[in-house]
Amino acid sequence: MDKTALSSATLISIFSGLYRIVLRLNYYTEFVEKVPKDCIVLTLACGKYRFFDKDLGDIGGIPRLLDAGQCNDAYSAVQIAVALSNASNVNMNESVD
């Protein structure tokens, strides 16, 4: 992974879990739409289907919306998040105000 491509990323958001098919439940969709342009969105599980059709653009040629698979792929998602954290110098355990 080219570390310079992700050097401008400031946050990695991970969305995981089930999201019931009820039209008025738009929490994840609205949150993803409001994530700053310098942030990466990593998804897994069924919740992603609420916003997976969104074009969030890219950071240094790498898509901002990355899919890690389904619920049973949680370990892979953690490994991807660690690699993204290392490549972008974003501390995974740092809270954002």
Protein backbone atom coordinates (compact mmCIF):
# COMPACT_ATOMS: atom_id res chain seq x y z
CA MET A 1 0.00 0.00 0.00
CA ASP A 2 1.35 3.39 -0.99
CA LYS A 3 1.60 5.35 2.27
CA THR A 4 1.78 8.68 0.49
CA ALA A 5 -1.62 8.07 -1.12
CA LEU A 6 -3.26 7.91 2.31
CA SER A 7 -1.18 10.53 4.07
CA SER A 8 -4.05 13.03 3.97
CA ALA A 9 -6.54 10.71 5.69
CA THR A 10 -7.48 11.83 9.18
CA LEU A 11 -10.03 9.26 10.32
CA ILE A 12 -11.04 5.68 9.61
CA SER A 13 -14.70 4.92 10.36
CA ILE A 14 -15.79 1.29 10.61
CA PHE A 15 -19.44 0.40 10.06
CA SER A 16 -20.51 -3.10 10.95
CA GLY A 17 -23.70 -4.84 11.92
CA LEU A 18 -27.21 -5.51 10.83
CA TYR A 19 -29.46 -2.67 9.75
CA ARG A 20 -33.13 -3.49 9.55
CA ILE A 21 -34.93 -2.78 6.31
CA VAL A 22 -37.20 -0.01 7.57
CA LEU A 23 -37.34 3.06 5.35
CA ARG A 24 -37.29 5.59 8.18
CA LEU A 25 -34.09 4.15 9.69
CA ASN A 26 -31.39 6.12 7.92
CA TYR A 27 -28.80 6.56 10.67
CA TYR A 28 -25.88 4.86 8.90
CA THR A 29 -26.72 6.46 5.55
CA GLU A 30 -26.90 9.96 7.01
CA PHE A 31 -23.71 9.43 9.03
CA VAL A 32 -21.75 8.20 6.00
CA GLU A 33 -22.96 11.15 3.93
CA LYS A 34 -21.62 13.52 6.62
CA VAL A 35 -18.22 11.87 7.12
CA PRO A 36 -15.54 14.46 6.20
CA LYS A 37 -13.93 14.12 2.77
CA ASP A 38 -10.54 13.21 4.30
CA CYS A 39 -11.93 10.11 6.07
CA ILE A 40 -12.06 6.46 5.02
CA VAL A 41 -15.23 4.41 5.54
CA LEU A 42 -14.61 0.68 6.06
CA THR A 43 -17.73 -1.51 6.03
CA LEU A 44 -18.72 -5.06 6.75
CA ALA A 45 -21.98 -6.90 7.38
CA CYS A 46 -25.44 -6.03 6.05
CA GLY A 47 -25.58 -2.40 7.14
CA LYS A 48 -23.46 -1.36 4.18
CA TYR A 49 -26.31 -1.95 1.76
CA ARG A 50 -27.95 1.26 3.02
CA PHE A 51 -25.15 3.39 1.57
CA PHE A 52 -23.00 1.14 -0.60
CA ASP A 53 -24.29 2.87 -3.74
CA LYS A 54 -22.85 6.23 -2.61
CA ASP A 55 -19.88 7.66 -4.48
CA LEU A 56 -17.65 8.98 -1.71
CA GLY A 57 -14.72 9.63 -4.01
CA ASP A 58 -11.18 8.66 -3.14
CA ILE A 59 -8.09 9.68 -1.20
CA GLY A 60 -4.96 9.52 -3.31
CA GLY A 61 -6.62 7.16 -5.78
CA ILE A 62 -7.84 4.76 -3.06
CA PRO A 63 -11.65 4.63 -2.70
CA ARG A 64 -12.95 6.21 0.53
CA LEU A 65 -15.61 3.48 0.78
CA LEU A 66 -13.99 0.09 1.30
CA ASP A 67 -15.93 -3.15 1.84
CA ALA A 68 -14.46 -5.89 4.03
CA GLY A 69 -17.24 -8.43 3.45
CA GLN A 70 -19.86 -9.92 5.73
CA CYS A 71 -20.15 -10.48 9.51
CA ASN A 72 -17.78 -13.45 9.49
CA ASP A 73 -15.07 -11.24 7.95
CA ALA A 74 -14.64 -9.10 11.08
CA TYR A 75 -11.05 -10.27 11.64
CA SER A 76 -10.14 -9.23 8.09
CA ALA A 77 -11.76 -5.82 8.68
CA VAL A 78 -9.61 -5.30 11.76
CA GLN A 79 -6.49 -6.22 9.79
CA ILE A 80 -7.47 -3.79 7.02
CA ALA A 81 -8.10 -1.06 9.60
CA VAL A 82 -4.67 -1.67 11.14
CA ALA A 83 -3.00 -1.48 7.72
CA LEU A 84 -4.90 1.72 6.88
CA SER A 85 -4.00 3.18 10.25
CA ASN A 86 -0.32 2.45 9.71
CA ALA A 87 -0.37 3.79 6.15
CA SER A 88 -2.16 7.00 7.07
CA ASN A 89 -0.56 7.63 10.48
CA VAL A 90 -4.02 7.68 12.07
CA ASN A 91 -4.05 6.25 15.59
CA MET A 92 -6.81 3.61 15.76
CA ASN A 93 -7.39 4.18 19.46
CA GLU A 94 -7.48 7.95 19.32
CA SER A 95 -10.84 9.55 20.03
CA VAL A 96 -12.11 12.31 17.82
CA ASP A 97 -13.76 15.35 19.35
